[in-house]
C-alpha atoms as a PDB file:
ATOM      1  CA  MET A   1     147.265 -23.026 164.611  1.00  0.00           C
ATOM      2  CA  ARG A   2     146.577 -19.322 165.035  1.00  0.00           C
ATOM      3  CA  ASN A   3     146.951 -17.137 161.962  1.00  0.00           C
ATOM      4  CA  TYR A   4     149.021 -14.177 163.136  1.00  0.00           C
ATOM      5  CA  ALA A   5     148.687 -12.413 159.786  1.00  0.00           C
ATOM      6  CA  LEU A   6     144.925 -12.424 160.359  1.00  0.00           C
ATOM      7  CA  ASP A   7     145.368 -10.803 163.782  1.00  0.00           C
ATOM      8  CA  ALA A   8     147.616  -8.121 162.289  1.00  0.00           C
ATOM      9  CA  ALA A   9     145.099  -7.497 159.500  1.00  0.00           C
ATOM     10  CA  LYS A  10     142.335  -7.073 162.095  1.00  0.00           C
ATOM     11  CA  PHE A  11     144.347  -4.304 163.721  1.00  0.00           C
ATOM     12  CA  LEU A  12     144.794  -2.643 160.326  1.00  0.00           C
ATOM     13  CA  ALA A  13     141.078  -3.029 159.568  1.00  0.00           C
ATOM     14  CA  CYS A  14     140.228  -1.515 162.932  1.00  0.00           C
ATOM     15  CA  PHE A  15     142.277   1.574 162.068  1.00  0.00           C
ATOM     16  CA  PHE A  16     140.299   2.029 158.863  1.00  0.00           C
ATOM     17  CA  ILE A  17     136.999   1.629 160.704  1.00  0.00           C
ATOM     18  CA  VAL A  18     138.055   4.536 162.907  1.00  0.00           C
ATOM     19  CA  PHE A  19     139.034   6.308 159.667  1.00  0.00           C
ATOM     20  CA  VAL A  20     135.406   6.166 158.519  1.00  0.00           C
ATOM     21  CA  HIS A  21     134.037   7.587 161.771  1.00  0.00           C
ATOM     22  CA  ALA A  22     136.669  10.269 162.391  1.00  0.00           C
ATOM     23  CA  GLY A  23     135.042  12.782 160.051  1.00  0.00           C
ATOM     24  CA  SER A  24     134.393  13.801 156.464  1.00  0.00           C
ATOM     25  CA  TYR A  25     137.995  14.900 155.715  1.00  0.00           C
ATOM     26  CA  SER A  26     136.743  18.229 154.460  1.00  0.00           C
ATOM     27  CA  GLU A  27     140.347  19.455 154.526  1.00  0.00           C
ATOM     28  CA  LEU A  28     140.723  17.441 151.305  1.00  0.00           C
ATOM     29  CA  GLY A  29     137.519  18.827 149.780  1.00  0.00           C
ATOM     30  CA  ALA A  30     134.059  17.252 149.883  1.00  0.00           C
ATOM     31  CA  LEU A  31     134.590  15.044 146.829  1.00  0.00           C
ATOM     32  CA  TRP A  32     138.039  13.683 147.619  1.00  0.00           C
ATOM     33  CA  GLY A  33     137.412  13.395 151.337  1.00  0.00           C
ATOM     34  CA  GLU A  34     134.362  11.188 150.903  1.00  0.00           C
ATOM     35  CA  THR A  35     135.983   9.252 148.061  1.00  0.00           C
ATOM     36  CA  LEU A  36     138.860   8.413 150.386  1.00  0.00           C
ATOM     37  CA  ARG A  37     136.439   7.313 153.116  1.00  0.00           C
ATOM     38  CA  VAL A  38     134.636   5.016 150.691  1.00  0.00           C
ATOM     39  CA  THR A  39     137.874   3.177 149.866  1.00  0.00           C
ATOM     40  CA  THR A  40     138.084   2.001 153.493  1.00  0.00           C
ATOM     41  CA  ARG A  41     134.688   0.302 153.480  1.00  0.00           C
ATOM     42  CA  TRP A  42     136.270  -3.154 153.168  1.00  0.00           C
ATOM     43  CA  ALA A  43     137.185  -3.103 156.866  1.00  0.00           C
ATOM     44  CA  VAL A  44     133.869  -4.155 158.449  1.00  0.00           C
ATOM     45  CA  PRO A  45     133.253  -6.964 155.901  1.00  0.00           C
ATOM     46  CA  PHE A  46     136.759  -8.214 156.681  1.00  0.00           C
ATOM     47  CA  PHE A  47     135.834  -8.676 160.347  1.00  0.00           C
ATOM     48  CA  PHE A  48     132.822 -10.777 159.331  1.00  0.00           C
ATOM     49  CA  LEU A  49     134.992 -12.894 157.038  1.00  0.00           C
ATOM     50  CA  ALA A  50     137.637 -13.328 159.735  1.00  0.00           C
ATOM     51  CA  SER A  51     134.971 -14.505 162.182  1.00  0.00           C
ATOM     52  CA  GLY A  52     133.766 -17.096 159.690  1.00  0.00           C
ATOM     53  CA  PHE A  53     137.316 -18.192 158.887  1.00  0.00           C
ATOM     54  CA  THR A  54     138.041 -18.989 162.535  1.00  0.00           C
ATOM     55  CA  ILE A  55     134.918 -21.134 163.029  1.00  0.00           C
ATOM     56  CA  GLY A  56     136.657 -24.209 161.631  1.00  0.00           C
ATOM     57  CA  ASN A  57     134.889 -27.422 162.598  1.00  0.00           C
ATOM     58  CA  SER A  58     132.973 -25.931 165.527  1.00  0.00           C
ATOM     59  CA  ASP A  59     129.981 -27.989 166.589  1.00  0.00           C
ATOM     60  CA  ALA A  60     126.656 -26.624 167.833  1.00  0.00           C
ATOM     61  CA  GLY A  61     128.148 -26.059 171.281  1.00  0.00           C
ATOM     62  CA  GLY A  62     131.027 -24.051 169.823  1.00  0.00           C
ATOM     63  CA  ILE A  63     128.665 -21.870 167.791  1.00  0.00           C
ATOM     64  CA  LEU A  64     126.422 -21.323 170.830  1.00  0.00           C
ATOM     65  CA  LYS A  65     129.409 -20.232 172.916  1.00  0.00           C
ATOM     66  CA  ARG A  66     130.326 -17.664 170.256  1.00  0.00           C
ATOM     67  CA  VAL A  67     126.751 -16.358 170.248  1.00  0.00           C
ATOM     68  CA  ASN A  68     126.768 -16.150 174.057  1.00  0.00           C
ATOM     69  CA  LYS A  69     129.977 -14.104 173.925  1.00  0.00           C
ATOM     70  CA  LEU A  70     128.457 -11.742 171.368  1.00  0.00           C
ATOM     71  CA  ILE A  71     125.346 -11.258 173.518  1.00  0.00           C
ATOM     72  CA  SER A  72     127.601 -10.213 176.388  1.00  0.00           C
ATOM     73  CA  ILE A  73     129.682  -7.935 174.149  1.00  0.00           C
ATOM     74  CA  LEU A  74     126.557  -6.257 172.725  1.00  0.00           C
ATOM     75  CA  PHE A  75     125.154  -5.707 176.219  1.00  0.00           C
ATOM     76  CA  TYR A  76     128.264  -4.200 177.792  1.00  0.00           C
ATOM     77  CA  GLY A  77     129.148  -2.351 174.596  1.00  0.00           C
ATOM     78  CA  SER A  78     125.726  -0.705 174.764  1.00  0.00           C
ATOM     79  CA  VAL A  79     125.920   0.084 178.483  1.00  0.00           C
ATOM     80  CA  ILE A  80     128.969   2.321 178.055  1.00  0.00           C
ATOM     81  CA  TYR A  81     126.997   4.521 175.639  1.00  0.00           C
ATOM     82  CA  ILE A  82     124.049   5.163 177.977  1.00  0.00           C
ATOM     83  CA  PRO A  83     125.592   8.273 179.641  1.00  0.00           C
ATOM     84  CA  MET A  84     126.441   9.718 176.228  1.00  0.00           C
ATOM     85  CA  LEU A  85     122.879   9.204 174.990  1.00  0.00           C
ATOM     86  CA  PHE A  86     121.478  11.179 177.917  1.00  0.00           C
ATOM     87  CA  TYR A  87     124.122  13.882 177.534  1.00  0.00           C
ATOM     88  CA  LYS A  88     123.511  14.311 173.795  1.00  0.00           C
ATOM     89  CA  SER A  89     119.726  14.214 173.974  1.00  0.00           C
ATOM     90  CA  ASP A  90     117.735  17.449 173.823  1.00  0.00           C
ATOM     91  CA  ASP A  91     114.518  15.472 174.271  1.00  0.00           C
ATOM     92  CA  PRO A  92     112.846  14.599 177.559  1.00  0.00           C
ATOM     93  CA  TYR A  93     114.493  11.691 179.370  1.00  0.00           C
ATOM     94  CA  ILE A  94     111.515   9.477 178.586  1.00  0.00           C
ATOM     95  CA  LYS A  95     112.437   9.509 174.869  1.00  0.00           C
ATOM     96  CA  THR A  96     115.988   8.453 175.664  1.00  0.00           C
ATOM     97  CA  LEU A  97     114.635   5.687 177.880  1.00  0.00           C
ATOM     98  CA  ASN A  98     112.389   4.595 175.018  1.00  0.00           C
ATOM     99  CA  LYS A  99     115.463   4.318 172.806  1.00  0.00           C
ATOM    100  CA  ILE A 100     117.400   2.367 175.420  1.00  0.00           C
ATOM    101  CA  PHE A 101     114.575  -0.115 175.948  1.00  0.00           C
ATOM    102  CA  SER A 102     113.563  -0.295 172.295  1.00  0.00           C
ATOM    103  CA  PRO A 103     113.339  -3.730 170.629  1.00  0.00           C
ATOM    104  CA  ASP A 104     115.947  -2.464 168.153  1.00  0.00           C
ATOM    105  CA  THR A 105     118.482  -2.421 170.979  1.00  0.00           C
ATOM    106  CA  ILE A 106     118.389  -6.224 171.045  1.00  0.00           C
ATOM    107  CA  HIS A 107     119.413  -6.363 167.384  1.00  0.00           C
ATOM    108  CA  TYR A 108     121.635  -3.318 166.913  1.00  0.00           C
ATOM    109  CA  GLY A 109     122.765  -2.146 170.339  1.00  0.00           C
ATOM    110  CA  LEU A 110     122.537   1.430 171.586  1.00  0.00           C
ATOM    111  CA  TYR A 111     124.913   3.026 169.109  1.00  0.00           C
ATOM    112  CA  GLY A 112     124.965   2.793 165.343  1.00  0.00           C
ATOM    113  CA  HIS A 113     128.269   0.970 164.886  1.00  0.00           C
ATOM    114  CA  LEU A 114     127.163  -1.874 167.179  1.00  0.00           C
ATOM    115  CA  TRP A 115     124.958  -3.240 164.382  1.00  0.00           C
ATOM    116  CA  PHE A 116     128.022  -5.325 163.483  1.00  0.00           C
ATOM    117  CA  ILE A 117     127.737  -7.331 166.714  1.00  0.00           C
ATOM    118  CA  GLY A 118     124.023  -8.025 166.230  1.00  0.00           C
ATOM    119  CA  SER A 119     124.535  -8.950 162.593  1.00  0.00           C
ATOM    120  CA  LEU A 120     127.344 -11.329 163.545  1.00  0.00           C
ATOM    121  CA  MET A 121     125.096 -12.991 166.138  1.00  0.00           C
ATOM    122  CA  ALA A 122     122.375 -13.538 163.557  1.00  0.00           C
ATOM    123  CA  GLY A 123     124.994 -14.621 161.034  1.00  0.00           C
ATOM    124  CA  LEU A 124     126.309 -17.377 163.290  1.00  0.00           C
ATOM    125  CA  VAL A 125     122.812 -18.714 163.981  1.00  0.00           C
ATOM    126  CA  LEU A 126     121.925 -18.701 160.268  1.00  0.00           C
ATOM    127  CA  PHE A 127     125.304 -20.217 159.442  1.00  0.00           C
ATOM    128  CA  TRP A 128     124.579 -23.197 161.665  1.00  0.00           C
ATOM    129  CA  TYR A 129     121.140 -23.588 160.079  1.00  0.00           C
ATOM    130  CA  ALA A 130     122.616 -23.414 156.563  1.00  0.00           C
ATOM    131  CA  ARG A 131     125.397 -25.854 157.337  1.00  0.00           C
ATOM    132  CA  SER A 132     122.835 -28.350 158.649  1.00  0.00           C
ATOM    133  CA  ASN A 133     120.037 -27.860 156.123  1.00  0.00           C
ATOM    134  CA  LEU A 134     121.392 -26.332 152.899  1.00  0.00           C
ATOM    135  CA  SER A 135     123.970 -27.495 150.399  1.00  0.00           C
ATOM    136  CA  HIS A 136     127.194 -25.557 149.937  1.00  0.00           C
ATOM    137  CA  ARG A 137     125.957 -24.319 146.549  1.00  0.00           C
ATOM    138  CA  GLN A 138     122.632 -23.135 147.986  1.00  0.00           C
ATOM    139  CA  SER A 139     124.366 -21.334 150.841  1.00  0.00           C
ATOM    140  CA  LEU A 140     126.785 -19.601 148.476  1.00  0.00           C
ATOM    141  CA  LEU A 141     123.972 -18.500 146.165  1.00  0.00           C
ATOM    142  CA  LEU A 142     122.042 -17.131 149.141  1.00  0.00           C
ATOM    143  CA  SER A 143     125.169 -15.335 150.341  1.00  0.00           C
ATOM    144  CA  CYS A 144     125.746 -13.759 146.917  1.00  0.00           C
ATOM    145  CA  PHE A 145     122.105 -12.656 146.754  1.00  0.00           C
ATOM    146  CA  ILE A 146     122.353 -10.964 150.155  1.00  0.00           C
ATOM    147  CA  ILE A 147     125.586  -9.207 149.165  1.00  0.00           C
ATOM    148  CA  PHE A 148     124.085  -8.009 145.870  1.00  0.00           C
ATOM    149  CA  MET A 149     120.945  -6.687 147.568  1.00  0.00           C
ATOM    150  CA  CYS A 150     123.042  -4.946 150.185  1.00  0.00           C
ATOM    151  CA  TRP A 151     125.054  -3.179 147.476  1.00  0.00           C
ATOM    152  CA  PHE A 152     121.974  -2.418 145.357  1.00  0.00           C
ATOM    153  CA  SER A 153     119.921  -0.952 148.199  1.00  0.00           C
ATOM    154  CA  ASP A 154     122.929   1.003 149.481  1.00  0.00           C
ATOM    155  CA  ALA A 155     123.504   2.485 146.017  1.00  0.00           C
ATOM    156  CA  ILE A 156     119.840   3.468 145.604  1.00  0.00           C
ATOM    157  CA  LYS A 157     119.740   4.911 149.119  1.00  0.00           C
ATOM    158  CA  SER A 158     122.668   7.195 148.322  1.00  0.00           C
ATOM    159  CA  PHE A 159     120.441   9.007 145.797  1.00  0.00           C
ATOM    160  CA  GLY A 160     118.059  10.043 148.558  1.00  0.00           C
ATOM    161  CA  VAL A 161     115.514   7.246 148.047  1.00  0.00           C
ATOM    162  CA  GLN A 162     114.123   5.726 151.247  1.00  0.00           C
ATOM    163  CA  ILE A 163     115.095   2.066 151.007  1.00  0.00           C
ATOM    164  CA  TRP A 164     114.250   0.447 154.314  1.00  0.00           C
ATOM    165  CA  PHE A 165     115.092  -3.072 153.163  1.00  0.00           C
ATOM    166  CA  PHE A 166     118.737  -2.005 153.054  1.00  0.00           C
ATOM    167  CA  TYR A 167     118.819  -2.464 156.825  1.00  0.00           C
ATOM    168  CA  LEU A 168     117.415  -5.968 156.521  1.00  0.00           C
ATOM    169  CA  PHE A 169     120.125  -7.043 154.089  1.00  0.00           C
ATOM    170  CA  ARG A 170     122.808  -5.231 156.067  1.00  0.00           C
ATOM    171  CA  TYR A 171     121.694  -7.261 159.081  1.00  0.00           C
ATOM    172  CA  LEU A 172     121.776 -10.485 157.040  1.00  0.00           C
ATOM    173  CA  ILE A 173     125.187  -9.798 155.547  1.00  0.00           C
ATOM    174  CA  GLY A 174     126.658 -11.255 158.710  1.00  0.00           C
ATOM    175  CA  PHE A 175     125.512 -14.679 157.536  1.00  0.00           C
ATOM    176  CA  ALA A 176     126.743 -14.179 153.967  1.00  0.00           C
ATOM    177  CA  LEU A 177     130.249 -13.150 154.972  1.00  0.00           C
ATOM    178  CA  VAL A 178     130.577 -15.604 157.848  1.00  0.00           C
ATOM    179  CA  TYR A 179     129.678 -18.403 155.447  1.00  0.00           C
ATOM    180  CA  ILE A 180     132.173 -17.244 152.824  1.00  0.00           C
ATOM    181  CA  GLY A 181     134.869 -16.865 155.480  1.00  0.00           C
ATOM    182  CA  TRP A 182     134.167 -20.367 156.776  1.00  0.00           C
ATOM    183  CA  SER A 183     134.246 -21.738 153.217  1.00  0.00           C
ATOM    184  CA  ILE A 184     137.694 -20.229 152.693  1.00  0.00           C
ATOM    185  CA  GLY A 185     138.922 -21.645 155.988  1.00  0.00           C
ATOM    186  CA  ALA A 186     137.491 -25.074 155.153  1.00  0.00           C
ATOM    187  CA  GLY A 187     139.140 -25.062 151.719  1.00  0.00           C
ATOM    188  CA  LYS A 188     135.821 -25.024 149.852  1.00  0.00           C
ATOM    189  CA  ILE A 189     136.814 -21.757 148.158  1.00  0.00           C
ATOM    190  CA  SER A 190     140.385 -21.326 146.951  1.00  0.00           C
ATOM    191  CA  PHE A 191     142.310 -18.799 144.917  1.00  0.00           C
ATOM    192  CA  THR A 192     145.847 -17.989 143.832  1.00  0.00           C
ATOM    193  CA  LYS A 193     148.719 -18.469 146.283  1.00  0.00           C
ATOM    194  CA  SER A 194     150.527 -15.427 144.901  1.00  0.00           C
ATOM    195  CA  ASN A 195     150.315 -12.593 147.411  1.00  0.00           C
ATOM    196  CA  LYS A 196     151.826 -10.271 144.808  1.00  0.00           C
ATOM    197  CA  LEU A 197     148.869 -10.867 142.493  1.00  0.00           C
ATOM    198  CA  LEU A 198     146.421 -10.665 145.404  1.00  0.00           C
ATOM    199  CA  SER A 199     147.920  -7.339 146.492  1.00  0.00           C
ATOM    200  CA  MET A 200     147.457  -5.961 142.983  1.00  0.00           C
ATOM    201  CA  ILE A 201     143.821  -7.119 142.979  1.00  0.00           C
ATOM    202  CA  PHE A 202     143.300  -5.507 146.386  1.00  0.00           C
ATOM    203  CA  ILE A 203     144.593  -2.177 145.072  1.00  0.00           C
ATOM    204  CA  VAL A 204     142.317  -2.455 142.027  1.00  0.00           C
ATOM    205  CA  CYS A 205     139.363  -3.048 144.378  1.00  0.00           C
ATOM    206  CA  LEU A 206     140.249   0.084 146.351  1.00  0.00           C
ATOM    207  CA  LEU A 207     140.384   2.105 143.142  1.00  0.00           C
ATOM    208  CA  ALA A 208     137.055   0.613 142.029  1.00  0.00           C
ATOM    209  CA  MET A 209     135.406   1.634 145.309  1.00  0.00           C
ATOM    210  CA  GLY A 210     136.678   5.170 144.944  1.00  0.00           C
ATOM    211  CA  ALA A 211     135.685   5.303 141.272  1.00  0.00           C
ATOM    212  CA  GLU A 212     132.147   4.115 142.015  1.00  0.00           C
ATOM    213  CA  TYR A 213     131.594   6.940 144.471  1.00  0.00           C
ATOM    214  CA  PHE A 214     133.428   9.488 142.308  1.00  0.00           C
ATOM    215  CA  VAL A 215     131.208   8.741 139.309  1.00  0.00           C
ATOM    216  CA  SER A 216     127.959   8.866 141.299  1.00  0.00           C
ATOM    217  CA  PHE A 217     129.068  12.110 142.969  1.00  0.00           C
ATOM    218  CA  SER A 218     130.219  13.796 139.766  1.00  0.00           C
ATOM    219  CA  TYR A 219     127.647  12.662 137.228  1.00  0.00           C
ATOM    220  CA  PHE A 220     124.571  11.258 138.957  1.00  0.00           C
ATOM    221  CA  ASP A 221     124.314  13.437 142.060  1.00  0.00           C
ATOM    222  CA  GLY A 222     124.507  10.404 144.328  1.00  0.00           C
ATOM    223  CA  THR A 223     125.412  12.573 147.282  1.00  0.00           C
ATOM    224  CA  HIS A 224     122.422  12.333 149.598  1.00  0.00           C
ATOM    225  CA  GLY A 225     123.862   9.655 151.817  1.00  0.00           C
ATOM    226  CA  GLU A 226     127.193   8.040 152.478  1.00  0.00           C
ATOM    227  CA  ARG A 227     128.028   4.713 150.886  1.00  0.00           C
ATOM    228  CA  GLN A 228     128.485   1.765 153.220  1.00  0.00           C
ATOM    229  CA  PHE A 229     128.827  -1.073 150.717  1.00  0.00           C
ATOM    230  CA  PRO A 230     130.435  -0.077 147.411  1.00  0.00           C
ATOM    231  CA  LEU A 231     130.517  -3.036 145.031  1.00  0.00           C
ATOM    232  CA  ALA A 232     134.224  -3.828 145.386  1.00  0.00           C
ATOM    233  CA  CYS A 233     134.370  -3.684 149.190  1.00  0.00           C
ATOM    234  CA  ILE A 234     133.471  -7.375 149.611  1.00  0.00           C
ATOM    235  CA  PRO A 235     135.991  -8.603 146.982  1.00  0.00           C
ATOM    236  CA  ALA A 236     138.641  -6.419 148.645  1.00  0.00           C
ATOM    237  CA  ALA A 237     137.936  -7.991 152.042  1.00  0.00           C
ATOM    238  CA  ILE A 238     137.982 -11.506 150.555  1.00  0.00           C
ATOM    239  CA  VAL A 239     141.291 -10.835 148.800  1.00  0.00           C
ATOM    240  CA  LEU A 240     142.814  -9.556 152.043  1.00  0.00           C
ATOM    241  CA  LEU A 241     141.680 -12.728 153.801  1.00  0.00           C
ATOM    242  CA  PHE A 242     143.408 -14.816 151.126  1.00  0.00           C
ATOM    243  CA  ILE A 243     146.575 -12.772 151.653  1.00  0.00           C
ATOM    244  CA  CYS A 244     146.402 -13.629 155.359  1.00  0.00           C
ATOM    245  CA  VAL A 245     145.821 -17.312 154.579  1.00  0.00           C
ATOM    246  CA  ASN A 246     148.885 -17.394 152.322  1.00  0.00           C
ATOM    247  CA  SER A 247     151.099 -15.515 154.784  1.00  0.00           C
ATOM    248  CA  LYS A 248     153.105 -17.574 157.252  1.00  0.00           C
ATOM    249  CA  THR A 249     154.058 -14.905 159.761  1.00  0.00           C
ATOM    250  CA  GLN A 250     155.211 -15.199 163.348  1.00  0.00           C
ATOM    251  CA  ARG A 251     153.656 -13.592 166.385  1.00  0.00           C
ATOM    252  CA  SER A 252     154.469  -9.883 166.463  1.00  0.00           C
ATOM    253  CA  THR A 253     153.546  -6.699 168.288  1.00  0.00           C
ATOM    254  CA  LEU A 254     151.011  -5.941 165.556  1.00  0.00           C
ATOM    255  CA  SER A 255     149.380  -9.375 165.745  1.00  0.00           C
ATOM    256  CA  ASN A 256     149.286  -9.190 169.547  1.00  0.00           C
ATOM    257  CA  ALA A 257     147.557  -5.812 169.338  1.00  0.00           C
ATOM    258  CA  GLY A 258     145.072  -7.157 166.804  1.00  0.00           C
ATOM    259  CA  GLU A 259     144.273 -10.170 168.954  1.00  0.00           C
ATOM    260  CA  ALA A 260     143.905  -8.217 172.188  1.00  0.00           C
ATOM    261  CA  TYR A 261     142.509  -4.827 171.220  1.00  0.00           C
ATOM    262  CA  SER A 262     140.858  -4.743 167.774  1.00  0.00           C
ATOM    263  CA  LEU A 263     137.379  -5.590 169.097  1.00  0.00           C
ATOM    264  CA  GLY A 264     137.682  -3.170 172.001  1.00  0.00           C
ATOM    265  CA  ILE A 265     138.789  -0.338 169.724  1.00  0.00           C
ATOM    266  CA  TYR A 266     135.808  -1.043 167.496  1.00  0.00           C
ATOM    267  CA  ILE A 267     133.452  -0.799 170.467  1.00  0.00           C
ATOM    268  CA  ILE A 268     134.759   2.312 172.234  1.00  0.00           C
ATOM    269  CA  HIS A 269     136.197   4.506 169.472  1.00  0.00           C
ATOM    270  CA  PRO A 270     132.964   6.455 168.703  1.00  0.00           C
ATOM    271  CA  LEU A 271     132.757   7.383 172.394  1.00  0.00           C
ATOM    272  CA  ILE A 272     136.373   8.553 172.400  1.00  0.00           C
ATOM    273  CA  ILE A 273     135.856  10.551 169.203  1.00  0.00           C
ATOM    274  CA  TYR A 274     132.739  12.167 170.699  1.00  0.00           C
ATOM    275  CA  ILE A 275     134.596  13.171 173.868  1.00  0.00           C
ATOM    276  CA  ILE A 276     137.477  14.635 171.840  1.00  0.00           C
ATOM    277  CA  GLY A 277     134.951  16.587 169.774  1.00  0.00           C
ATOM    278  CA  GLN A 278     133.242  17.958 172.883  1.00  0.00           C
ATOM    279  CA  VAL A 279     136.518  19.000 174.501  1.00  0.00           C
ATOM    280  CA  SER A 280     137.836  20.634 171.323  1.00  0.00           C
ATOM    281  CA  GLY A 281     134.514  22.418 170.857  1.00  0.00           C
ATOM    282  CA  PHE A 282     134.578  23.720 174.432  1.00  0.00           C
ATOM    283  CA  TYR A 283     138.032  25.197 173.889  1.00  0.00           C
ATOM    284  CA  ARG A 284     137.129  26.311 170.348  1.00  0.00           C
ATOM    285  CA  ILE A 285     139.827  24.195 168.763  1.00  0.00           C
ATOM    286  CA  ASN A 286     139.220  23.112 165.188  1.00  0.00           C
ATOM    287  CA  ILE A 287     140.418  19.547 164.672  1.00  0.00           C
ATOM    288  CA  TYR A 288     140.869  18.186 161.167  1.00  0.00           C
ATOM    289  CA  SER A 289     139.471  14.737 160.477  1.00  0.00           C
ATOM    290  CA  SER A 290     142.982  13.365 159.938  1.00  0.00           C
ATOM    291  CA  VAL A 291     144.020  14.578 163.400  1.00  0.00           C
ATOM    292  CA  MET A 292     140.804  13.193 164.887  1.00  0.00           C
ATOM    293  CA  LEU A 293     141.640   9.841 163.299  1.00  0.00           C
ATOM    294  CA  LEU A 294     145.059   9.687 164.930  1.00  0.00           C
ATOM    295  CA  LEU A 295     143.766  10.899 168.293  1.00  0.00           C
ATOM    296  CA  GLY A 296     140.696   8.651 168.271  1.00  0.00           C
ATOM    297  CA  PHE A 297     142.596   5.528 167.326  1.00  0.00           C
ATOM    298  CA  SER A 298     145.624   6.045 169.562  1.00  0.00           C
ATOM    299  CA  LEU A 299     143.608   7.112 172.623  1.00  0.00           C
ATOM    300  CA  SER A 300     141.225   4.166 172.189  1.00  0.00           C
ATOM    301  CA  LEU A 301     144.219   1.826 172.103  1.00  0.00           C
ATOM    302  CA  VAL A 302     145.906   3.428 175.119  1.00  0.00           C
ATOM    303  CA  ILE A 303     142.683   3.393 177.152  1.00  0.00           C
ATOM    304  CA  LEU A 304     142.137  -0.288 176.385  1.00  0.00           C
ATOM    305  CA  ILE A 305     145.713  -1.140 177.360  1.00  0.00           C
ATOM    306  CA  ILE A 306     145.208   0.687 180.673  1.00  0.00           C
ATOM    307  CA  ILE A 307     141.864  -1.041 181.264  1.00  0.00           C
ATOM    308  CA  ASN A 308     143.404  -4.418 180.457  1.00  0.00           C
ATOM    309  CA  LYS A 309     146.209  -3.842 182.971  1.00  0.00           C
ATOM    310  CA  SER A 310     144.258  -2.021 185.687  1.00  0.00           C
ATOM    311  CA  ILE A 311     140.622  -3.166 185.421  1.00  0.00           C
ATOM    312  CA  PRO A 312     140.738  -6.621 183.794  1.00  0.00           C
ATOM    313  CA  TYR A 313     137.111  -7.284 184.789  1.00  0.00           C
ATOM    314  CA  THR A 314     135.920  -4.449 182.530  1.00  0.00           C
ATOM    315  CA  TYR A 315     138.259  -5.517 179.740  1.00  0.00           C
ATOM    316  CA  ASN A 316     136.947  -9.087 179.924  1.00  0.00           C
ATOM    317  CA  LYS A 317     133.321  -7.949 179.781  1.00  0.00           C
ATOM    318  CA  LEU A 318     133.925  -5.779 176.714  1.00  0.00           C
ATOM    319  CA  ASN A 319     135.577  -8.711 174.941  1.00  0.00           C
ATOM    320  CA  GLY A 320     133.257 -11.501 176.060  1.00  0.00           C
ATOM    321  CA  ILE A 321     136.072 -13.261 177.928  1.00  0.00           C
ATOM    322  CA  GLY A 322     134.898 -15.783 180.494  1.00  0.00           C
ATOM    323  CA  ILE A 323     131.454 -16.261 178.934  1.00  0.00           C
ATOM    324  CA  LYS A 324     130.377 -19.901 178.669  1.00  0.00           C
END
């Protein structure tokens, strides 16, 4: 039975992913703007967890079909960014072509946010290996190690230290979160049934994420790079998943939007934000990050609705529909 609360939460998470990419919120001041952005970092981990939760009892064929869909999504999601890469580039076309045909494109796609798709692909493959060859305890310990290293390397990197292994563990976090999400769905990990208590814990996690950045900004000069994985972002995402599990909601407009458009919004929103930025720059219009957020999210949604109704072939390709 489909979990409509999970679909609605995906739509909410998608909004907060756009929140991260819409700008620095300098209208709030550098400190508070970035602190606010950090508190939304639970959104991407939540998508990993949701993917793991929906695996259920999938066999090897079911996992392979999911991987095939992700390959298609990564390919077509990258293709739509090719014109933008050429337009943005001040380098000779050969350098842009080198980027397009780089081995990294296979893993991360052609635009930074598409790393999620590649990480999820790797996560599903490693999940199947772990489920067949490792015990539940071993898989959980490995997942916790990956999450810790992701947080640790992200924290060190924010102080201006070059930590290249951060990208390795960020790539592997797909496995860690998919496995935890599957464990929750399979009943191997359980927690309180009280959504009131879970909501309070979620709020505490948000405050902890903001506090972690605030302290590093104010006292340790941890301002050289943005934070992608504050310590409480994974617990926040897990708690939200438990809230969805406990919620027995009916199909709604919000759940329908989450089911149909959350992935598409994730894929196209940086392109929409870039176009808005170019147009506003051409007309010398200063757009606050908060306005960019509302424009970027709403226009991405409207464009996807139009594509779904008018060009279903394109919509299907962006969402991996019809892939065997």
